[in-house]
Structure formats: structure tokens, C-alpha cells
Amino acid sequence: MSRTQAIKELSLKEYQQEMAGIYTTSVNEGTIDEAPMAYKSLDDILDVIGDTVDVIDVMKPVYNFKAAEEKHF
């Protein structure tokens, strides 16, 4: 999904739910294009690169920081 598409389609509520359990002060309308749902899923990536790599571990974030200018939507 493109950043423009993410801004148009993702809701702040969905973004907040997806970030539950991760310490952050950056979940707001100004960073919605950085929401996890705007990125390809791990499964999609592994489908493409799976034959060329050995995945030894999957890291889960515990802290998230994003710098953003405040935007008024």
C-alpha cells in the first residue's frame, strides 16, 4: 500500500489497535502512513525471499518512535 493510500484508507483507531502492547508516543494522524498495516506482511515477504534465506528469528518491537510534523487533516 502506498503512503497516500494508507492516509486515505487507514483509521487512527485501527492503527492504535495494531500498536497495542508496543510503547509509543507516535501513533497519531501525522504518522498513519507508517502504520504496520501500510507495510507488506511477513508472510508476503517470506513467500518472495523464502527460497534464498534461512529465517532464524522474528523480532517484535517493544518501542516505537516516529518523528513527524503535526498535520491538520
PDB file of N, CA and C in Angstrom:
ATOM      1  N   MET A   1       0.857  -1.165   0.000  1.00  0.00           N
ATOM      2  CA  MET A   1       0.000   0.000   0.000  1.00  0.00           C
ATOM      3  C   MET A   1       0.904   1.230   0.000  1.00  0.00           C
ATOM      4  N   SER A   2       0.547   2.225  -0.791  1.00  0.00           N
ATOM      5  CA  SER A   2       1.331   3.458  -0.826  1.00  0.00           C
ATOM      6  C   SER A   2       1.017   4.320   0.396  1.00  0.00           C
ATOM      7  N   ARG A   3       1.863   5.281   0.654  1.00  0.00           N
ATOM      8  CA  ARG A   3       1.622   6.191   1.781  1.00  0.00           C
ATOM      9  C   ARG A   3       0.336   6.980   1.579  1.00  0.00           C
ATOM     10  N   THR A   4       0.092   7.425   0.353  1.00  0.00           N
ATOM     11  CA  THR A   4      -1.134   8.166   0.056  1.00  0.00           C
ATOM     12  C   THR A   4      -2.361   7.294   0.291  1.00  0.00           C
ATOM     13  N   GLN A   5      -2.283   6.059  -0.135  1.00  0.00           N
ATOM     14  CA  GLN A   5      -3.391   5.125   0.066  1.00  0.00           C
ATOM     15  C   GLN A   5      -3.601   4.863   1.555  1.00  0.00           C
ATOM     16  N   ALA A   6      -2.514   4.718   2.298  1.00  0.00           N
ATOM     17  CA  ALA A   6      -2.617   4.489   3.745  1.00  0.00           C
ATOM     18  C   ALA A   6      -3.327   5.657   4.424  1.00  0.00           C
ATOM     19  N   ILE A   7      -2.980   6.865   4.054  1.00  0.00           N
ATOM     20  CA  ILE A   7      -3.605   8.057   4.647  1.00  0.00           C
ATOM     21  C   ILE A   7      -5.103   8.073   4.363  1.00  0.00           C
ATOM     22  N   LYS A   8      -5.476   7.670   3.155  1.00  0.00           N
ATOM     23  CA  LYS A   8      -6.886   7.676   2.767  1.00  0.00           C
ATOM     24  C   LYS A   8      -7.689   6.531   3.392  1.00  0.00           C
ATOM     25  N   GLU A   9      -7.060   5.358   3.546  1.00  0.00           N
ATOM     26  CA  GLU A   9      -7.818   4.165   3.894  1.00  0.00           C
ATOM     27  C   GLU A   9      -7.724   3.717   5.349  1.00  0.00           C
ATOM     28  N   LEU A  10      -6.638   4.031   6.029  1.00  0.00           N
ATOM     29  CA  LEU A  10      -6.461   3.531   7.389  1.00  0.00           C
ATOM     30  C   LEU A  10      -7.059   4.483   8.411  1.00  0.00           C
ATOM     31  N   SER A  11      -7.619   3.907   9.455  1.00  0.00           N
ATOM     32  CA  SER A  11      -8.180   4.750  10.511  1.00  0.00           C
ATOM     33  C   SER A  11      -7.211   4.803  11.688  1.00  0.00           C
ATOM     34  N   LEU A  12      -7.284   5.882  12.430  1.00  0.00           N
ATOM     35  CA  LEU A  12      -6.456   6.036  13.615  1.00  0.00           C
ATOM     36  C   LEU A  12      -6.784   4.940  14.630  1.00  0.00           C
ATOM     37  N   LYS A  13      -8.050   4.575  14.740  1.00  0.00           N
ATOM     38  CA  LYS A  13      -8.446   3.527  15.683  1.00  0.00           C
ATOM     39  C   LYS A  13      -7.780   2.189  15.333  1.00  0.00           C
ATOM     40  N   GLU A  14      -7.793   1.824  14.055  1.00  0.00           N
ATOM     41  CA  GLU A  14      -7.133   0.583  13.614  1.00  0.00           C
ATOM     42  C   GLU A  14      -5.634   0.631  13.928  1.00  0.00           C
ATOM     43  N   TYR A  15      -5.034   1.757  13.655  1.00  0.00           N
ATOM     44  CA  TYR A  15      -3.607   1.977  13.903  1.00  0.00           C
ATOM     45  C   TYR A  15      -3.307   1.799  15.395  1.00  0.00           C
ATOM     46  N   GLN A  16      -4.120   2.418  16.238  1.00  0.00           N
ATOM     47  CA  GLN A  16      -3.923   2.302  17.683  1.00  0.00           C
ATOM     48  C   GLN A  16      -4.060   0.843  18.141  1.00  0.00           C
ATOM     49  N   GLN A  17      -5.037   0.135  17.607  1.00  0.00           N
ATOM     50  CA  GLN A  17      -5.237  -1.271  17.979  1.00  0.00           C
ATOM     51  C   GLN A  17      -4.046  -2.123  17.555  1.00  0.00           C
ATOM     52  N   GLU A  18      -3.537  -1.873  16.375  1.00  0.00           N
ATOM     53  CA  GLU A  18      -2.401  -2.641  15.867  1.00  0.00           C
ATOM     54  C   GLU A  18      -1.141  -2.394  16.696  1.00  0.00           C
ATOM     55  N   MET A  19      -1.035  -1.215  17.295  1.00  0.00           N
ATOM     56  CA  MET A  19       0.149  -0.862  18.084  1.00  0.00           C
ATOM     57  C   MET A  19      -0.004  -1.196  19.568  1.00  0.00           C
ATOM     58  N   ALA A  20      -1.104  -1.810  19.944  1.00  0.00           N
ATOM     59  CA  ALA A  20      -1.308  -2.189  21.347  1.00  0.00           C
ATOM     60  C   ALA A  20      -0.171  -3.095  21.805  1.00  0.00           C
ATOM     61  N   GLY A  21       0.354  -2.820  22.981  1.00  0.00           N
ATOM     62  CA  GLY A  21       1.437  -3.616  23.527  1.00  0.00           C
ATOM     63  C   GLY A  21       2.827  -3.130  23.147  1.00  0.00           C
ATOM     64  N   ILE A  22       2.885  -2.104  22.301  1.00  0.00           N
ATOM     65  CA  ILE A  22       4.157  -1.510  21.896  1.00  0.00           C
ATOM     66  C   ILE A  22       4.205  -0.103  22.457  1.00  0.00           C
ATOM     67  N   TYR A  23       5.237   0.204  23.261  1.00  0.00           N
ATOM     68  CA  TYR A  23       5.332   1.540  23.828  1.00  0.00           C
ATOM     69  C   TYR A  23       5.616   2.534  22.714  1.00  0.00           C
ATOM     70  N   THR A  24       4.788   3.544  22.619  1.00  0.00           N
ATOM     71  CA  THR A  24       4.967   4.578  21.611  1.00  0.00           C
ATOM     72  C   THR A  24       4.217   5.839  22.012  1.00  0.00           C
ATOM     73  N   THR A  25       4.754   6.956  21.609  1.00  0.00           N
ATOM     74  CA  THR A  25       4.048   8.229  21.744  1.00  0.00           C
ATOM     75  C   THR A  25       3.808   8.813  20.354  1.00  0.00           C
ATOM     76  N   SER A  26       4.002   7.995  19.331  1.00  0.00           N
ATOM     77  CA  SER A  26       3.992   8.473  17.953  1.00  0.00           C
ATOM     78  C   SER A  26       2.769   8.073  17.144  1.00  0.00           C
ATOM     79  N   VAL A  27       1.812   7.418  17.747  1.00  0.00           N
ATOM     80  CA  VAL A  27       0.632   6.988  16.995  1.00  0.00           C
ATOM     81  C   VAL A  27      -0.351   8.152  16.943  1.00  0.00           C
ATOM     82  N   ASN A  28      -0.433   8.762  15.762  1.00  0.00           N
ATOM     83  CA  ASN A  28      -1.333   9.897  15.555  1.00  0.00           C
ATOM     84  C   ASN A  28      -1.615  10.035  14.066  1.00  0.00           C
ATOM     85  N   GLU A  29      -2.482  10.938  13.716  1.00  0.00           N
ATOM     86  CA  GLU A  29      -2.847  11.140  12.307  1.00  0.00           C
ATOM     87  C   GLU A  29      -1.635  11.480  11.445  1.00  0.00           C
ATOM     88  N   GLY A  30      -0.635  12.139  12.022  1.00  0.00           N
ATOM     89  CA  GLY A  30       0.548  12.548  11.265  1.00  0.00           C
ATOM     90  C   GLY A  30       1.473  11.403  10.900  1.00  0.00           C
ATOM     91  N   THR A  31       1.292  10.238  11.527  1.00  0.00           N
ATOM     92  CA  THR A  31       2.146   9.090  11.206  1.00  0.00           C
ATOM     93  C   THR A  31       1.345   7.896  10.701  1.00  0.00           C
ATOM     94  N   ILE A  32       0.102   8.125  10.327  1.00  0.00           N
ATOM     95  CA  ILE A  32      -0.752   6.999   9.925  1.00  0.00           C
ATOM     96  C   ILE A  32      -0.205   6.280   8.690  1.00  0.00           C
ATOM     97  N   ASP A  33       0.568   6.987   7.856  1.00  0.00           N
ATOM     98  CA  ASP A  33       1.170   6.323   6.695  1.00  0.00           C
ATOM     99  C   ASP A  33       2.317   5.400   7.091  1.00  0.00           C
ATOM    100  N   GLU A  34       2.682   5.390   8.368  1.00  0.00           N
ATOM    101  CA  GLU A  34       3.701   4.487   8.904  1.00  0.00           C
ATOM    102  C   GLU A  34       3.070   3.352   9.722  1.00  0.00           C
ATOM    103  N   ALA A  35       1.766   3.244   9.690  1.00  0.00           N
ATOM    104  CA  ALA A  35       1.071   2.178  10.425  1.00  0.00           C
ATOM    105  C   ALA A  35       1.529   0.814   9.916  1.00  0.00           C
ATOM    106  N   PRO A  36       1.588  -0.179  10.791  1.00  0.00           N
ATOM    107  CA  PRO A  36       2.026  -1.510  10.366  1.00  0.00           C
ATOM    108  C   PRO A  36       1.229  -2.059   9.184  1.00  0.00           C
ATOM    109  N   MET A  37      -0.038  -1.725   9.096  1.00  0.00           N
ATOM    110  CA  MET A  37      -0.876  -2.241   8.015  1.00  0.00           C
ATOM    111  C   MET A  37      -0.501  -1.653   6.650  1.00  0.00           C
ATOM    112  N   ALA A  38       0.308  -0.585   6.637  1.00  0.00           N
ATOM    113  CA  ALA A  38       0.733   0.022   5.382  1.00  0.00           C
ATOM    114  C   ALA A  38       1.898  -0.740   4.747  1.00  0.00           C
ATOM    115  N   TYR A  39       2.453  -1.671   5.478  1.00  0.00           N
ATOM    116  CA  TYR A  39       3.609  -2.438   5.002  1.00  0.00           C
ATOM    117  C   TYR A  39       3.199  -3.839   4.582  1.00  0.00           C
ATOM    118  N   LYS A  40       4.045  -4.468   3.787  1.00  0.00           N
ATOM    119  CA  LYS A  40       3.806  -5.856   3.407  1.00  0.00           C
ATOM    120  C   LYS A  40       3.895  -6.739   4.647  1.00  0.00           C
ATOM    121  N   SER A  41       3.112  -7.787   4.670  1.00  0.00           N
ATOM    122  CA  SER A  41       3.129  -8.703   5.815  1.00  0.00           C
ATOM    123  C   SER A  41       4.382  -9.580   5.766  1.00  0.00           C
ATOM    124  N   LEU A  42       4.751 -10.111   6.916  1.00  0.00           N
ATOM    125  CA  LEU A  42       5.888 -11.017   6.997  1.00  0.00           C
ATOM    126  C   LEU A  42       5.687 -12.214   6.073  1.00  0.00           C
ATOM    127  N   ASP A  43       4.483 -12.749   6.037  1.00  0.00           N
ATOM    128  CA  ASP A  43       4.201 -13.895   5.174  1.00  0.00           C
ATOM    129  C   ASP A  43       4.418 -13.562   3.700  1.00  0.00           C
ATOM    130  N   ASP A  44       3.990 -12.367   3.278  1.00  0.00           N
ATOM    131  CA  ASP A  44       4.192 -11.951   1.887  1.00  0.00           C
ATOM    132  C   ASP A  44       5.675 -11.851   1.554  1.00  0.00           C
ATOM    133  N   ILE A  45       6.442 -11.302   2.467  1.00  0.00           N
ATOM    134  CA  ILE A  45       7.880 -11.159   2.239  1.00  0.00           C
ATOM    135  C   ILE A  45       8.547 -12.526   2.192  1.00  0.00           C
ATOM    136  N   LEU A  46       8.200 -13.402   3.130  1.00  0.00           N
ATOM    137  CA  LEU A  46       8.798 -14.737   3.156  1.00  0.00           C
ATOM    138  C   LEU A  46       8.445 -15.541   1.913  1.00  0.00           C
ATOM    139  N   ASP A  47       7.253 -15.338   1.370  1.00  0.00           N
ATOM    140  CA  ASP A  47       6.870 -16.023   0.135  1.00  0.00           C
ATOM    141  C   ASP A  47       7.818 -15.661  -1.006  1.00  0.00           C
ATOM    142  N   VAL A  48       8.282 -14.430  -1.015  1.00  0.00           N
ATOM    143  CA  VAL A  48       9.148 -13.957  -2.094  1.00  0.00           C
ATOM    144  C   VAL A  48      10.609 -14.349  -1.867  1.00  0.00           C
ATOM    145  N   ILE A  49      11.090 -14.251  -0.635  1.00  0.00           N
ATOM    146  CA  ILE A  49      12.516 -14.492  -0.379  1.00  0.00           C
ATOM    147  C   ILE A  49      12.812 -15.839   0.271  1.00  0.00           C
ATOM    148  N   GLY A  50      11.785 -16.582   0.598  1.00  0.00           N
ATOM    149  CA  GLY A  50      11.931 -17.812   1.376  1.00  0.00           C
ATOM    150  C   GLY A  50      12.933 -18.812   0.838  1.00  0.00           C
ATOM    151  N   ASP A  51      13.072 -18.924  -0.474  1.00  0.00           N
ATOM    152  CA  ASP A  51      13.999 -19.886  -1.062  1.00  0.00           C
ATOM    153  C   ASP A  51      15.451 -19.425  -0.986  1.00  0.00           C
ATOM    154  N   THR A  52      15.676 -18.172  -0.640  1.00  0.00           N
ATOM    155  CA  THR A  52      17.042 -17.631  -0.661  1.00  0.00           C
ATOM    156  C   THR A  52      17.592 -17.300   0.719  1.00  0.00           C
ATOM    157  N   VAL A  53      16.783 -17.473   1.764  1.00  0.00           N
ATOM    158  CA  VAL A  53      17.236 -17.131   3.116  1.00  0.00           C
ATOM    159  C   VAL A  53      16.797 -18.198   4.109  1.00  0.00           C
ATOM    160  N   ASP A  54      17.475 -18.212   5.233  1.00  0.00           N
ATOM    161  CA  ASP A  54      17.052 -19.015   6.368  1.00  0.00           C
ATOM    162  C   ASP A  54      16.652 -18.049   7.469  1.00  0.00           C
ATOM    163  N   VAL A  55      15.387 -18.005   7.807  1.00  0.00           N
ATOM    164  CA  VAL A  55      14.922 -17.129   8.881  1.00  0.00           C
ATOM    165  C   VAL A  55      15.236 -17.817  10.195  1.00  0.00           C
ATOM    166  N   ILE A  56      16.047 -17.161  11.022  1.00  0.00           N
ATOM    167  CA  ILE A  56      16.433 -17.770  12.296  1.00  0.00           C
ATOM    168  C   ILE A  56      15.657 -17.193  13.472  1.00  0.00           C
ATOM    169  N   ASP A  57      15.057 -16.040  13.274  1.00  0.00           N
ATOM    170  CA  ASP A  57      14.272 -15.433  14.349  1.00  0.00           C
ATOM    171  C   ASP A  57      13.438 -14.298  13.778  1.00  0.00           C
ATOM    172  N   VAL A  58      12.340 -13.995  14.417  1.00  0.00           N
ATOM    173  CA  VAL A  58      11.497 -12.864  14.046  1.00  0.00           C
ATOM    174  C   VAL A  58      11.422 -11.957  15.260  1.00  0.00           C
ATOM    175  N   MET A  59      11.838 -10.720  15.083  1.00  0.00           N
ATOM    176  CA  MET A  59      11.842  -9.768  16.195  1.00  0.00           C
ATOM    177  C   MET A  59      10.519  -9.018  16.247  1.00  0.00           C
ATOM    178  N   LYS A  60      10.040  -8.782  17.437  1.00  0.00           N
ATOM    179  CA  LYS A  60       8.824  -8.000  17.654  1.00  0.00           C
ATOM    180  C   LYS A  60       9.223  -6.712  18.367  1.00  0.00           C
ATOM    181  N   PRO A  61       8.729  -5.576  17.902  1.00  0.00           N
ATOM    182  CA  PRO A  61       9.101  -4.314  18.554  1.00  0.00           C
ATOM    183  C   PRO A  61       8.452  -4.171  19.929  1.00  0.00           C
ATOM    184  N   VAL A  62       9.173  -3.502  20.817  1.00  0.00           N
ATOM    185  CA  VAL A  62       8.621  -3.171  22.126  1.00  0.00           C
ATOM    186  C   VAL A  62       8.558  -1.659  22.306  1.00  0.00           C
ATOM    187  N   TYR A  63       9.270  -0.934  21.439  1.00  0.00           N
ATOM    188  CA  TYR A  63       9.288   0.526  21.487  1.00  0.00           C
ATOM    189  C   TYR A  63       9.235   1.036  20.056  1.00  0.00           C
ATOM    190  N   ASN A  64       8.532   2.138  19.853  1.00  0.00           N
ATOM    191  CA  ASN A  64       8.393   2.716  18.530  1.00  0.00           C
ATOM    192  C   ASN A  64       8.490   4.227  18.630  1.00  0.00           C
ATOM    193  N   PHE A  65       9.309   4.826  17.778  1.00  0.00           N
ATOM    194  CA  PHE A  65       9.408   6.282  17.726  1.00  0.00           C
ATOM    195  C   PHE A  65       9.382   6.711  16.280  1.00  0.00           C
ATOM    196  N   LYS A  66       8.567   7.681  15.977  1.00  0.00           N
ATOM    197  CA  LYS A  66       8.488   8.262  14.650  1.00  0.00           C
ATOM    198  C   LYS A  66       8.494   9.771  14.784  1.00  0.00           C
ATOM    199  N   ALA A  67       9.329  10.423  14.022  1.00  0.00           N
ATOM    200  CA  ALA A  67       9.339  11.870  14.003  1.00  0.00           C
ATOM    201  C   ALA A  67       8.340  12.339  12.945  1.00  0.00           C
ATOM    202  N   ALA A  68       7.536  13.291  13.279  1.00  0.00           N
ATOM    203  CA  ALA A  68       6.548  13.791  12.321  1.00  0.00           C
ATOM    204  C   ALA A  68       6.177  15.216  12.649  1.00  0.00           C
ATOM    205  N   GLU A  69       5.948  15.958  11.606  1.00  0.00           N
ATOM    206  CA  GLU A  69       5.394  17.287  11.794  1.00  0.00           C
ATOM    207  C   GLU A  69       3.903  17.112  12.019  1.00  0.00           C
ATOM    208  N   GLU A  70       3.334  17.941  12.847  1.00  0.00           N
ATOM    209  CA  GLU A  70       1.905  17.830  13.080  1.00  0.00           C
ATOM    210  C   GLU A  70       1.162  18.318  11.856  1.00  0.00           C
ATOM    211  N   LYS A  71       0.263  17.479  11.358  1.00  0.00           N
ATOM    212  CA  LYS A  71      -0.543  17.824  10.190  1.00  0.00           C
ATOM    213  C   LYS A  71      -1.972  18.018  10.651  1.00  0.00           C
ATOM    214  N   HIS A  72      -2.661  18.885  10.000  1.00  0.00           N
ATOM    215  CA  HIS A  72      -4.065  19.135  10.320  1.00  0.00           C
ATOM    216  C   HIS A  72      -4.908  18.595   9.184  1.00  0.00           C
ATOM    217  N   PHE A  73      -5.632  17.526   9.458  1.00  0.00           N
ATOM    218  CA  PHE A  73      -6.453  16.882   8.439  1.00  0.00           C
ATOM    219  C   PHE A  73      -7.849  17.390   8.462  1.00  0.00           C
TER     220      PHE A  73
END
